[in-house]
Amino acid sequence: MSVRIRLSRFGRKNRPHYRIAVFDSETRRDGRYLELLGHYDPLITDPKTKVKLNTERLTAWVNKGALATPAVAQLLKHCRIAVPKAPKTAAPKAKEPKPAKKPAAAKAAPKK
């Protein structure tokens, strides 16, 4: 089970409010979380109150192997909290070259 630290959107239309939570990587964006770590309100102008976060629980989850999504990693970087971030996508697989077609030695004789 891969565990991610990501944002879950709440609030009404044009007034977003996000929860920072720990999710199984296969759950949907606003689905059930494993643990709530804090919240983020982008509409607040004061940077000190914009993000509320339980840093003890965050470090505990990071020590267990949870990875932050790029959006959460950037948000935590502004708060001066360093966490490892998950890669955006998986590395593309190298394509195997197609084997060369063998020329037909002789065509079968036509049926009479």
PDB file of N, CA and C in Angstrom:
ATOM      1  N   MET A   1       0.848  -1.172   0.000  1.00  0.00           N
ATOM      2  CA  MET A   1       0.000   0.000   0.000  1.00  0.00           C
ATOM      3  C   MET A   1       0.897   1.240   0.000  1.00  0.00           C
ATOM      4  N   SER A   2       0.726   2.083  -1.006  1.00  0.00           N
ATOM      5  CA  SER A   2       1.479   3.313  -1.107  1.00  0.00           C
ATOM      6  C   SER A   2       0.687   4.433  -0.436  1.00  0.00           C
ATOM      7  N   VAL A   3       1.334   5.189   0.415  1.00  0.00           N
ATOM      8  CA  VAL A   3       0.654   6.223   1.186  1.00  0.00           C
ATOM      9  C   VAL A   3       1.140   7.595   0.722  1.00  0.00           C
ATOM     10  N   ARG A   4       0.192   8.500   0.500  1.00  0.00           N
ATOM     11  CA  ARG A   4       0.516   9.845   0.031  1.00  0.00           C
ATOM     12  C   ARG A   4      -0.059  10.896   0.971  1.00  0.00           C
ATOM     13  N   ILE A   5       0.636  12.003   1.078  1.00  0.00           N
ATOM     14  CA  ILE A   5       0.132  13.166   1.813  1.00  0.00           C
ATOM     15  C   ILE A   5      -0.359  14.133   0.747  1.00  0.00           C
ATOM     16  N   ARG A   6      -1.658  14.403   0.735  1.00  0.00           N
ATOM     17  CA  ARG A   6      -2.210  15.244  -0.318  1.00  0.00           C
ATOM     18  C   ARG A   6      -3.355  16.106   0.183  1.00  0.00           C
ATOM     19  N   LEU A   7      -3.836  16.972  -0.705  1.00  0.00           N
ATOM     20  CA  LEU A   7      -4.899  17.914  -0.375  1.00  0.00           C
ATOM     21  C   LEU A   7      -6.261  17.322  -0.708  1.00  0.00           C
ATOM     22  N   SER A   8      -7.240  17.643   0.114  1.00  0.00           N
ATOM     23  CA  SER A   8      -8.624  17.271  -0.122  1.00  0.00           C
ATOM     24  C   SER A   8      -9.439  18.563  -0.112  1.00  0.00           C
ATOM     25  N   ARG A   9     -10.175  18.817  -1.189  1.00  0.00           N
ATOM     26  CA  ARG A   9     -10.847  20.114  -1.346  1.00  0.00           C
ATOM     27  C   ARG A   9     -12.192  20.148  -0.631  1.00  0.00           C
ATOM     28  N   PHE A  10     -12.416  21.236   0.084  1.00  0.00           N
ATOM     29  CA  PHE A  10     -13.687  21.506   0.742  1.00  0.00           C
ATOM     30  C   PHE A  10     -14.052  22.952   0.455  1.00  0.00           C
ATOM     31  N   GLY A  11     -15.177  23.385   0.963  1.00  0.00           N
ATOM     32  CA  GLY A  11     -15.603  24.756   0.748  1.00  0.00           C
ATOM     33  C   GLY A  11     -16.604  24.834  -0.388  1.00  0.00           C
ATOM     34  N   ARG A  12     -17.122  26.027  -0.596  1.00  0.00           N
ATOM     35  CA  ARG A  12     -18.117  26.179  -1.644  1.00  0.00           C
ATOM     36  C   ARG A  12     -17.474  26.674  -2.934  1.00  0.00           C
ATOM     37  N   LYS A  13     -18.273  26.905  -3.921  1.00  0.00           N
ATOM     38  CA  LYS A  13     -17.799  27.340  -5.228  1.00  0.00           C
ATOM     39  C   LYS A  13     -17.033  28.665  -5.100  1.00  0.00           C
ATOM     40  N   ASN A  14     -15.863  28.715  -5.692  1.00  0.00           N
ATOM     41  CA  ASN A  14     -14.971  29.883  -5.678  1.00  0.00           C
ATOM     42  C   ASN A  14     -14.476  30.271  -4.282  1.00  0.00           C
ATOM     43  N   ARG A  15     -14.665  29.438  -3.290  1.00  0.00           N
ATOM     44  CA  ARG A  15     -14.170  29.677  -1.931  1.00  0.00           C
ATOM     45  C   ARG A  15     -13.522  28.388  -1.413  1.00  0.00           C
ATOM     46  N   PRO A  16     -12.406  27.959  -2.009  1.00  0.00           N
ATOM     47  CA  PRO A  16     -11.831  26.670  -1.624  1.00  0.00           C
ATOM     48  C   PRO A  16     -11.186  26.696  -0.244  1.00  0.00           C
ATOM     49  N   HIS A  17     -11.182  25.543   0.357  1.00  0.00           N
ATOM     50  CA  HIS A  17     -10.538  25.292   1.639  1.00  0.00           C
ATOM     51  C   HIS A  17     -10.031  23.856   1.546  1.00  0.00           C
ATOM     52  N   TYR A  18      -8.798  23.605   1.883  1.00  0.00           N
ATOM     53  CA  TYR A  18      -8.211  22.284   1.701  1.00  0.00           C
ATOM     54  C   TYR A  18      -7.813  21.667   3.031  1.00  0.00           C
ATOM     55  N   ARG A  19      -7.998  20.371   3.122  1.00  0.00           N
ATOM     56  CA  ARG A  19      -7.472  19.609   4.255  1.00  0.00           C
ATOM     57  C   ARG A  19      -6.209  18.910   3.796  1.00  0.00           C
ATOM     58  N   ILE A  20      -5.201  18.924   4.621  1.00  0.00           N
ATOM     59  CA  ILE A  20      -3.967  18.186   4.355  1.00  0.00           C
ATOM     60  C   ILE A  20      -4.095  16.881   5.118  1.00  0.00           C
ATOM     61  N   ALA A  21      -4.105  15.776   4.377  1.00  0.00           N
ATOM     62  CA  ALA A  21      -4.370  14.489   5.005  1.00  0.00           C
ATOM     63  C   ALA A  21      -3.515  13.404   4.372  1.00  0.00           C
ATOM     64  N   VAL A  22      -3.466  12.270   5.050  1.00  0.00           N
ATOM     65  CA  VAL A  22      -2.738  11.096   4.577  1.00  0.00           C
ATOM     66  C   VAL A  22      -3.745  10.154   3.940  1.00  0.00           C
ATOM     67  N   PHE A  23      -3.489   9.774   2.686  1.00  0.00           N
ATOM     68  CA  PHE A  23      -4.383   8.915   1.922  1.00  0.00           C
ATOM     69  C   PHE A  23      -3.644   7.693   1.409  1.00  0.00           C
ATOM     70  N   ASP A  24      -4.390   6.627   1.200  1.00  0.00           N
ATOM     71  CA  ASP A  24      -3.890   5.529   0.386  1.00  0.00           C
ATOM     72  C   ASP A  24      -3.851   6.068  -1.038  1.00  0.00           C
ATOM     73  N   SER A  25      -2.860   5.714  -1.816  1.00  0.00           N
ATOM     74  CA  SER A  25      -2.696   6.315  -3.140  1.00  0.00           C
ATOM     75  C   SER A  25      -3.842   5.991  -4.094  1.00  0.00           C
ATOM     76  N   GLU A  26      -4.630   4.976  -3.809  1.00  0.00           N
ATOM     77  CA  GLU A  26      -5.702   4.584  -4.726  1.00  0.00           C
ATOM     78  C   GLU A  26      -7.049   5.216  -4.392  1.00  0.00           C
ATOM     79  N   THR A  27      -7.161   5.949  -3.300  1.00  0.00           N
ATOM     80  CA  THR A  27      -8.438   6.567  -2.967  1.00  0.00           C
ATOM     81  C   THR A  27      -8.645   7.830  -3.786  1.00  0.00           C
ATOM     82  N   ARG A  28      -9.915   8.203  -3.958  1.00  0.00           N
ATOM     83  CA  ARG A  28     -10.224   9.394  -4.753  1.00  0.00           C
ATOM     84  C   ARG A  28      -9.848  10.660  -3.976  1.00  0.00           C
ATOM     85  N   ARG A  29      -9.892  11.797  -4.655  1.00  0.00           N
ATOM     86  CA  ARG A  29      -9.394  13.048  -4.087  1.00  0.00           C
ATOM     87  C   ARG A  29     -10.074  13.417  -2.773  1.00  0.00           C
ATOM     88  N   ASP A  30     -11.383  13.360  -2.726  1.00  0.00           N
ATOM     89  CA  ASP A  30     -12.102  13.735  -1.516  1.00  0.00           C
ATOM     90  C   ASP A  30     -12.587  12.518  -0.731  1.00  0.00           C
ATOM     91  N   GLY A  31     -11.931  11.392  -0.920  1.00  0.00           N
ATOM     92  CA  GLY A  31     -12.349  10.160  -0.265  1.00  0.00           C
ATOM     93  C   GLY A  31     -11.886  10.074   1.181  1.00  0.00           C
ATOM     94  N   ARG A  32     -11.982   8.876   1.709  1.00  0.00           N
ATOM     95  CA  ARG A  32     -11.630   8.650   3.107  1.00  0.00           C
ATOM     96  C   ARG A  32     -10.116   8.738   3.297  1.00  0.00           C
ATOM     97  N   TYR A  33      -9.716   9.463   4.301  1.00  0.00           N
ATOM     98  CA  TYR A  33      -8.300   9.603   4.598  1.00  0.00           C
ATOM     99  C   TYR A  33      -7.933   8.741   5.793  1.00  0.00           C
ATOM    100  N   LEU A  34      -6.639   8.463   5.905  1.00  0.00           N
ATOM    101  CA  LEU A  34      -6.145   7.672   7.027  1.00  0.00           C
ATOM    102  C   LEU A  34      -5.998   8.543   8.273  1.00  0.00           C
ATOM    103  N   GLU A  35      -5.484   9.759   8.077  1.00  0.00           N
ATOM    104  CA  GLU A  35      -5.337  10.686   9.202  1.00  0.00           C
ATOM    105  C   GLU A  35      -5.309  12.120   8.682  1.00  0.00           C
ATOM    106  N   LEU A  36      -5.971  13.006   9.408  1.00  0.00           N
ATOM    107  CA  LEU A  36      -5.981  14.425   9.076  1.00  0.00           C
ATOM    108  C   LEU A  36      -4.791  15.098   9.749  1.00  0.00           C
ATOM    109  N   LEU A  37      -3.984  15.810   8.952  1.00  0.00           N
ATOM    110  CA  LEU A  37      -2.785  16.445   9.481  1.00  0.00           C
ATOM    111  C   LEU A  37      -2.950  17.944   9.705  1.00  0.00           C
ATOM    112  N   GLY A  38      -3.865  18.575   8.985  1.00  0.00           N
ATOM    113  CA  GLY A  38      -4.048  20.012   9.130  1.00  0.00           C
ATOM    114  C   GLY A  38      -4.938  20.547   8.031  1.00  0.00           C
ATOM    115  N   HIS A  39      -4.912  21.858   7.836  1.00  0.00           N
ATOM    116  CA  HIS A  39      -5.701  22.451   6.770  1.00  0.00           C
ATOM    117  C   HIS A  39      -4.969  23.652   6.180  1.00  0.00           C
ATOM    118  N   TYR A  40      -5.436  24.039   4.979  1.00  0.00           N
ATOM    119  CA  TYR A  40      -4.842  25.131   4.217  1.00  0.00           C
ATOM    120  C   TYR A  40      -5.965  25.966   3.623  1.00  0.00           C
ATOM    121  N   ASP A  41      -5.940  27.267   3.886  1.00  0.00           N
ATOM    122  CA  ASP A  41      -6.940  28.179   3.342  1.00  0.00           C
ATOM    123  C   ASP A  41      -6.223  29.193   2.444  1.00  0.00           C
ATOM    124  N   PRO A  42      -6.332  29.058   1.119  1.00  0.00           N
ATOM    125  CA  PRO A  42      -5.591  29.940   0.214  1.00  0.00           C
ATOM    126  C   PRO A  42      -6.115  31.375   0.184  1.00  0.00           C
ATOM    127  N   LEU A  43      -7.302  31.625   0.715  1.00  0.00           N
ATOM    128  CA  LEU A  43      -7.874  32.961   0.653  1.00  0.00           C
ATOM    129  C   LEU A  43      -7.449  33.863   1.802  1.00  0.00           C
ATOM    130  N   ILE A  44      -6.819  33.307   2.812  1.00  0.00           N
ATOM    131  CA  ILE A  44      -6.316  34.109   3.936  1.00  0.00           C
ATOM    132  C   ILE A  44      -5.019  34.783   3.502  1.00  0.00           C
ATOM    133  N   THR A  45      -4.891  36.067   3.808  1.00  0.00           N
ATOM    134  CA  THR A  45      -3.710  36.808   3.366  1.00  0.00           C
ATOM    135  C   THR A  45      -2.527  36.678   4.321  1.00  0.00           C
ATOM    136  N   ASP A  46      -2.780  36.416   5.588  1.00  0.00           N
ATOM    137  CA  ASP A  46      -1.699  36.275   6.572  1.00  0.00           C
ATOM    138  C   ASP A  46      -1.013  34.922   6.395  1.00  0.00           C
ATOM    139  N   PRO A  47       0.270  34.902   6.015  1.00  0.00           N
ATOM    140  CA  PRO A  47       0.928  33.620   5.754  1.00  0.00           C
ATOM    141  C   PRO A  47       1.086  32.728   6.983  1.00  0.00           C
ATOM    142  N   LYS A  48       1.056  33.301   8.187  1.00  0.00           N
ATOM    143  CA  LYS A  48       1.222  32.493   9.400  1.00  0.00           C
ATOM    144  C   LYS A  48      -0.022  31.676   9.712  1.00  0.00           C
ATOM    145  N   THR A  49      -1.193  32.180   9.345  1.00  0.00           N
ATOM    146  CA  THR A  49      -2.437  31.463   9.629  1.00  0.00           C
ATOM    147  C   THR A  49      -3.002  30.756   8.406  1.00  0.00           C
ATOM    148  N   LYS A  50      -2.300  30.861   7.290  1.00  0.00           N
ATOM    149  CA  LYS A  50      -2.780  30.235   6.054  1.00  0.00           C
ATOM    150  C   LYS A  50      -2.738  28.712   6.148  1.00  0.00           C
ATOM    151  N   VAL A  51      -1.730  28.192   6.816  1.00  0.00           N
ATOM    152  CA  VAL A  51      -1.546  26.743   6.942  1.00  0.00           C
ATOM    153  C   VAL A  51      -1.490  26.383   8.422  1.00  0.00           C
ATOM    154  N   LYS A  52      -2.347  25.476   8.832  1.00  0.00           N
ATOM    155  CA  LYS A  52      -2.308  24.905  10.186  1.00  0.00           C
ATOM    156  C   LYS A  52      -1.932  23.442  10.007  1.00  0.00           C
ATOM    157  N   LEU A  53      -0.907  22.997  10.710  1.00  0.00           N
ATOM    158  CA  LEU A  53      -0.392  21.666  10.466  1.00  0.00           C
ATOM    159  C   LEU A  53       0.149  21.051  11.747  1.00  0.00           C
ATOM    160  N   ASN A  54      -0.119  19.765  11.946  1.00  0.00           N
ATOM    161  CA  ASN A  54       0.432  19.012  13.060  1.00  0.00           C
ATOM    162  C   ASN A  54       1.760  18.414  12.583  1.00  0.00           C
ATOM    163  N   THR A  55       2.854  19.100  12.870  1.00  0.00           N
ATOM    164  CA  THR A  55       4.155  18.686  12.341  1.00  0.00           C
ATOM    165  C   THR A  55       4.659  17.380  12.952  1.00  0.00           C
ATOM    166  N   GLU A  56       4.269  17.074  14.166  1.00  0.00           N
ATOM    167  CA  GLU A  56       4.695  15.812  14.789  1.00  0.00           C
ATOM    168  C   GLU A  56       4.134  14.619  14.024  1.00  0.00           C
ATOM    169  N   ARG A  57       2.840  14.700  13.699  1.00  0.00           N
ATOM    170  CA  ARG A  57       2.209  13.606  12.960  1.00  0.00           C
ATOM    171  C   ARG A  57       2.722  13.553  11.517  1.00  0.00           C
ATOM    172  N   LEU A  58       3.040  14.718  10.951  1.00  0.00           N
ATOM    173  CA  LEU A  58       3.588  14.761   9.595  1.00  0.00           C
ATOM    174  C   LEU A  58       4.923  14.034   9.540  1.00  0.00           C
ATOM    175  N   THR A  59       5.811  14.328  10.482  1.00  0.00           N
ATOM    176  CA  THR A  59       7.115  13.657  10.484  1.00  0.00           C
ATOM    177  C   THR A  59       6.969  12.169  10.779  1.00  0.00           C
ATOM    178  N   ALA A  60       5.985  11.801  11.597  1.00  0.00           N
ATOM    179  CA  ALA A  60       5.757  10.380  11.869  1.00  0.00           C
ATOM    180  C   ALA A  60       5.361   9.642  10.589  1.00  0.00           C
ATOM    181  N   TRP A  61       4.476  10.232   9.785  1.00  0.00           N
ATOM    182  CA  TRP A  61       4.058   9.597   8.532  1.00  0.00           C
ATOM    183  C   TRP A  61       5.185   9.577   7.506  1.00  0.00           C
ATOM    184  N   VAL A  62       5.988  10.628   7.465  1.00  0.00           N
ATOM    185  CA  VAL A  62       7.114  10.655   6.528  1.00  0.00           C
ATOM    186  C   VAL A  62       8.130   9.585   6.913  1.00  0.00           C
ATOM    187  N   ASN A  63       8.351   9.377   8.219  1.00  0.00           N
ATOM    188  CA  ASN A  63       9.267   8.324   8.666  1.00  0.00           C
ATOM    189  C   ASN A  63       8.744   6.937   8.332  1.00  0.00           C
ATOM    190  N   LYS A  64       7.419   6.807   8.226  1.00  0.00           N
ATOM    191  CA  LYS A  64       6.828   5.521   7.842  1.00  0.00           C
ATOM    192  C   LYS A  64       6.864   5.298   6.337  1.00  0.00           C
ATOM    193  N   GLY A  65       7.226   6.335   5.569  1.00  0.00           N
ATOM    194  CA  GLY A  65       7.370   6.173   4.122  1.00  0.00           C
ATOM    195  C   GLY A  65       6.337   6.903   3.290  1.00  0.00           C
ATOM    196  N   ALA A  66       5.521   7.750   3.903  1.00  0.00           N
ATOM    197  CA  ALA A  66       4.525   8.498   3.139  1.00  0.00           C
ATOM    198  C   ALA A  66       5.222   9.579   2.312  1.00  0.00           C
ATOM    199  N   LEU A  67       4.756   9.757   1.080  1.00  0.00           N
ATOM    200  CA  LEU A  67       5.315  10.760   0.185  1.00  0.00           C
ATOM    201  C   LEU A  67       4.310  11.872  -0.043  1.00  0.00           C
ATOM    202  N   ALA A  68       4.782  13.094  -0.094  1.00  0.00           N
ATOM    203  CA  ALA A  68       3.904  14.236  -0.349  1.00  0.00           C
ATOM    204  C   ALA A  68       3.744  14.417  -1.855  1.00  0.00           C
ATOM    205  N   THR A  69       2.546  14.812  -2.267  1.00  0.00           N
ATOM    206  CA  THR A  69       2.334  15.140  -3.672  1.00  0.00           C
ATOM    207  C   THR A  69       3.088  16.435  -3.969  1.00  0.00           C
ATOM    208  N   PRO A  70       3.338  16.737  -5.246  1.00  0.00           N
ATOM    209  CA  PRO A  70       4.065  17.974  -5.556  1.00  0.00           C
ATOM    210  C   PRO A  70       3.393  19.237  -5.014  1.00  0.00           C
ATOM    211  N   ALA A  71       2.069  19.286  -5.017  1.00  0.00           N
ATOM    212  CA  ALA A  71       1.358  20.466  -4.496  1.00  0.00           C
ATOM    213  C   ALA A  71       1.584  20.617  -2.991  1.00  0.00           C
ATOM    214  N   VAL A  72       1.519  19.535  -2.259  1.00  0.00           N
ATOM    215  CA  VAL A  72       1.728  19.594  -0.811  1.00  0.00           C
ATOM    216  C   VAL A  72       3.195  19.878  -0.501  1.00  0.00           C
ATOM    217  N   ALA A  73       4.098  19.298  -1.276  1.00  0.00           N
ATOM    218  CA  ALA A  73       5.521  19.551  -1.042  1.00  0.00           C
ATOM    219  C   ALA A  73       5.852  21.023  -1.242  1.00  0.00           C
ATOM    220  N   GLN A  74       5.264  21.648  -2.255  1.00  0.00           N
ATOM    221  CA  GLN A  74       5.497  23.071  -2.486  1.00  0.00           C
ATOM    222  C   GLN A  74       4.884  23.909  -1.370  1.00  0.00           C
ATOM    223  N   LEU A  75       3.715  23.524  -0.917  1.00  0.00           N
ATOM    224  CA  LEU A  75       3.057  24.230   0.178  1.00  0.00           C
ATOM    225  C   LEU A  75       3.879  24.140   1.464  1.00  0.00           C
ATOM    226  N   LEU A  76       4.403  22.967   1.753  1.00  0.00           N
ATOM    227  CA  LEU A  76       5.214  22.783   2.958  1.00  0.00           C
ATOM    228  C   LEU A  76       6.574  23.462   2.837  1.00  0.00           C
ATOM    229  N   LYS A  77       7.043  23.601   1.604  1.00  0.00           N
ATOM    230  CA  LYS A  77       8.300  24.308   1.391  1.00  0.00           C
ATOM    231  C   LYS A  77       8.162  25.774   1.797  1.00  0.00           C
ATOM    232  N   HIS A  78       7.008  26.382   1.524  1.00  0.00           N
ATOM    233  CA  HIS A  78       6.766  27.763   1.945  1.00  0.00           C
ATOM    234  C   HIS A  78       6.704  27.875   3.470  1.00  0.00           C
ATOM    235  N   CYS A  79       6.299  26.787   4.126  1.00  0.00           N
ATOM    236  CA  CYS A  79       6.256  26.765   5.591  1.00  0.00           C
ATOM    237  C   CYS A  79       7.602  26.362   6.191  1.00  0.00           C
ATOM    238  N   ARG A  80       8.586  26.145   5.339  1.00  0.00           N
ATOM    239  CA  ARG A  80       9.932  25.723   5.731  1.00  0.00           C
ATOM    240  C   ARG A  80       9.936  24.367   6.416  1.00  0.00           C
ATOM    241  N   ILE A  81       9.149  23.437   5.847  1.00  0.00           N
ATOM    242  CA  ILE A  81       9.135  22.061   6.320  1.00  0.00           C
ATOM    243  C   ILE A  81       9.577  21.193   5.153  1.00  0.00           C
ATOM    244  N   ALA A  82      10.652  20.449   5.328  1.00  0.00           N
ATOM    245  CA  ALA A  82      11.179  19.624   4.246  1.00  0.00           C
ATOM    246  C   ALA A  82      10.600  18.220   4.326  1.00  0.00           C
ATOM    247  N   VAL A  83       9.975  17.783   3.251  1.00  0.00           N
ATOM    248  CA  VAL A  83       9.463  16.417   3.144  1.00  0.00           C
ATOM    249  C   VAL A  83       9.806  15.891   1.768  1.00  0.00           C
ATOM    250  N   PRO A  84      10.028  14.592   1.637  1.00  0.00           N
ATOM    251  CA  PRO A  84      10.266  14.047   0.299  1.00  0.00           C
ATOM    252  C   PRO A  84       8.973  14.073  -0.501  1.00  0.00           C
ATOM    253  N   LYS A  85       9.068  14.429  -1.783  1.00  0.00           N
ATOM    254  CA  LYS A  85       7.867  14.493  -2.599  1.00  0.00           C
ATOM    255  C   LYS A  85       7.815  13.320  -3.563  1.00  0.00           C
ATOM    256  N   ALA A  86       6.612  12.945  -3.919  1.00  0.00           N
ATOM    257  CA  ALA A  86       6.392  11.846  -4.840  1.00  0.00           C
ATOM    258  C   ALA A  86       6.682  12.313  -6.257  1.00  0.00           C
ATOM    259  N   PRO A  87       7.158  11.426  -7.122  1.00  0.00           N
ATOM    260  CA  PRO A  87       7.363  11.824  -8.513  1.00  0.00           C
ATOM    261  C   PRO A  87       6.031  12.107  -9.182  1.00  0.00           C
ATOM    262  N   LYS A  88       6.034  13.010 -10.183  1.00  0.00           N
ATOM    263  CA  LYS A  88       4.793  13.369 -10.869  1.00  0.00           C
ATOM    264  C   LYS A  88       4.192  12.168 -11.591  1.00  0.00           C
ATOM    265  N   THR A  89       5.007  11.476 -12.337  1.00  0.00           N
ATOM    266  CA  THR A  89       4.534  10.290 -13.056  1.00  0.00           C
ATOM    267  C   THR A  89       5.619   9.235 -13.011  1.00  0.00           C
ATOM    268  N   ALA A  90       5.233   8.050 -13.363  1.00  0.00           N
ATOM    269  CA  ALA A  90       6.205   6.972 -13.414  1.00  0.00           C
ATOM    270  C   ALA A  90       7.104   7.180 -14.633  1.00  0.00           C
ATOM    271  N   ALA A  91       8.304   6.686 -14.547  1.00  0.00           N
ATOM    272  CA  ALA A  91       9.235   6.808 -15.664  1.00  0.00           C
ATOM    273  C   ALA A  91       8.721   5.974 -16.829  1.00  0.00           C
ATOM    274  N   PRO A  92       8.805   6.486 -18.050  1.00  0.00           N
ATOM    275  CA  PRO A  92       8.310   5.717 -19.186  1.00  0.00           C
ATOM    276  C   PRO A  92       9.156   4.476 -19.409  1.00  0.00           C
ATOM    277  N   LYS A  93       8.482   3.417 -19.784  1.00  0.00           N
ATOM    278  CA  LYS A  93       9.189   2.174 -20.044  1.00  0.00           C
ATOM    279  C   LYS A  93       9.884   2.254 -21.396  1.00  0.00           C
ATOM    280  N   ALA A  94      11.059   1.659 -21.463  1.00  0.00           N
ATOM    281  CA  ALA A  94      11.792   1.639 -22.722  1.00  0.00           C
ATOM    282  C   ALA A  94      11.124   0.635 -23.660  1.00  0.00           C
ATOM    283  N   LYS A  95      10.895   1.074 -24.891  1.00  0.00           N
ATOM    284  CA  LYS A  95      10.259   0.192 -25.869  1.00  0.00           C
ATOM    285  C   LYS A  95      11.299  -0.772 -26.423  1.00  0.00           C
ATOM    286  N   GLU A  96      10.875  -2.008 -26.561  1.00  0.00           N
ATOM    287  CA  GLU A  96      11.761  -3.006 -27.138  1.00  0.00           C
ATOM    288  C   GLU A  96      11.686  -2.890 -28.647  1.00  0.00           C
ATOM    289  N   PRO A  97      12.831  -2.999 -29.328  1.00  0.00           N
ATOM    290  CA  PRO A  97      12.787  -2.914 -30.791  1.00  0.00           C
ATOM    291  C   PRO A  97      12.053  -4.127 -31.361  1.00  0.00           C
ATOM    292  N   LYS A  98      11.295  -3.856 -32.418  1.00  0.00           N
ATOM    293  CA  LYS A  98      10.556  -4.944 -33.057  1.00  0.00           C
ATOM    294  C   LYS A  98      11.533  -5.809 -33.838  1.00  0.00           C
ATOM    295  N   PRO A  99      11.344  -7.106 -33.789  1.00  0.00           N
ATOM    296  CA  PRO A  99      12.237  -7.974 -34.563  1.00  0.00           C
ATOM    297  C   PRO A  99      11.983  -7.772 -36.056  1.00  0.00           C
ATOM    298  N   ALA A 100      13.045  -7.889 -36.832  1.00  0.00           N
ATOM    299  CA  ALA A 100      12.928  -7.714 -38.280  1.00  0.00           C
ATOM    300  C   ALA A 100      12.091  -8.846 -38.868  1.00  0.00           C
ATOM    301  N   LYS A 101      11.269  -8.484 -39.845  1.00  0.00           N
ATOM    302  CA  LYS A 101      10.431  -9.498 -40.482  1.00  0.00           C
ATOM    303  C   LYS A 101      11.297 -10.393 -41.350  1.00  0.00           C
ATOM    304  N   LYS A 102      10.996 -11.679 -41.313  1.00  0.00           N
ATOM    305  CA  LYS A 102      11.735 -12.629 -42.132  1.00  0.00           C
ATOM    306  C   LYS A 102      11.082 -12.671 -43.514  1.00  0.00           C
ATOM    307  N   PRO A 103      11.877 -12.556 -44.563  1.00  0.00           N
ATOM    308  CA  PRO A 103      11.284 -12.624 -45.904  1.00  0.00           C
ATOM    309  C   PRO A 103      10.817 -14.042 -46.200  1.00  0.00           C
ATOM    310  N   ALA A 104       9.722 -14.130 -46.912  1.00  0.00           N
ATOM    311  CA  ALA A 104       9.183 -15.454 -47.271  1.00  0.00           C
ATOM    312  C   ALA A 104      10.109 -16.072 -48.311  1.00  0.00           C
ATOM    313  N   ALA A 105      10.614 -17.274 -48.032  1.00  0.00           N
ATOM    314  CA  ALA A 105      11.574 -17.933 -48.921  1.00  0.00           C
ATOM    315  C   ALA A 105      10.909 -18.278 -50.248  1.00  0.00           C
ATOM    316  N   ALA A 106       9.809 -18.908 -50.171  1.00  0.00           N
ATOM    317  CA  ALA A 106       9.116 -19.263 -51.407  1.00  0.00           C
ATOM    318  C   ALA A 106       7.634 -19.280 -51.124  1.00  0.00           C
ATOM    319  N   LYS A 107       6.877 -18.703 -52.023  1.00  0.00           N
ATOM    320  CA  LYS A 107       5.449 -18.719 -51.834  1.00  0.00           C
ATOM    321  C   LYS A 107       4.908 -20.091 -52.149  1.00  0.00           C
ATOM    322  N   ALA A 108       3.833 -20.436 -51.482  1.00  0.00           N
ATOM    323  CA  ALA A 108       3.226 -21.739 -51.730  1.00  0.00           C
ATOM    324  C   ALA A 108       2.668 -21.777 -53.159  1.00  0.00           C
ATOM    325  N   ALA A 109       2.721 -22.926 -53.744  1.00  0.00           N
ATOM    326  CA  ALA A 109       2.218 -23.086 -55.105  1.00  0.00           C
ATOM    327  C   ALA A 109       0.709 -22.875 -55.120  1.00  0.00           C
ATOM    328  N   PRO A 110       0.171 -22.193 -56.123  1.00  0.00           N
ATOM    329  CA  PRO A 110      -1.252 -21.964 -56.175  1.00  0.00           C
ATOM    330  C   PRO A 110      -2.030 -23.269 -56.301  1.00  0.00           C
ATOM    331  N   LYS A 111      -3.183 -23.297 -55.716  1.00  0.00           N
ATOM    332  CA  LYS A 111      -4.017 -24.499 -55.767  1.00  0.00           C
ATOM    333  C   LYS A 111      -4.687 -24.597 -57.107  1.00  0.00           C
ATOM    334  N   LYS A 112      -4.854 -25.826 -57.586  1.00  0.00           N
ATOM    335  CA  LYS A 112      -5.505 -26.051 -58.871  1.00  0.00           C
ATOM    336  C   LYS A 112      -6.906 -26.500 -58.698  1.00  0.00           C
TER     337      LYS A 112
END
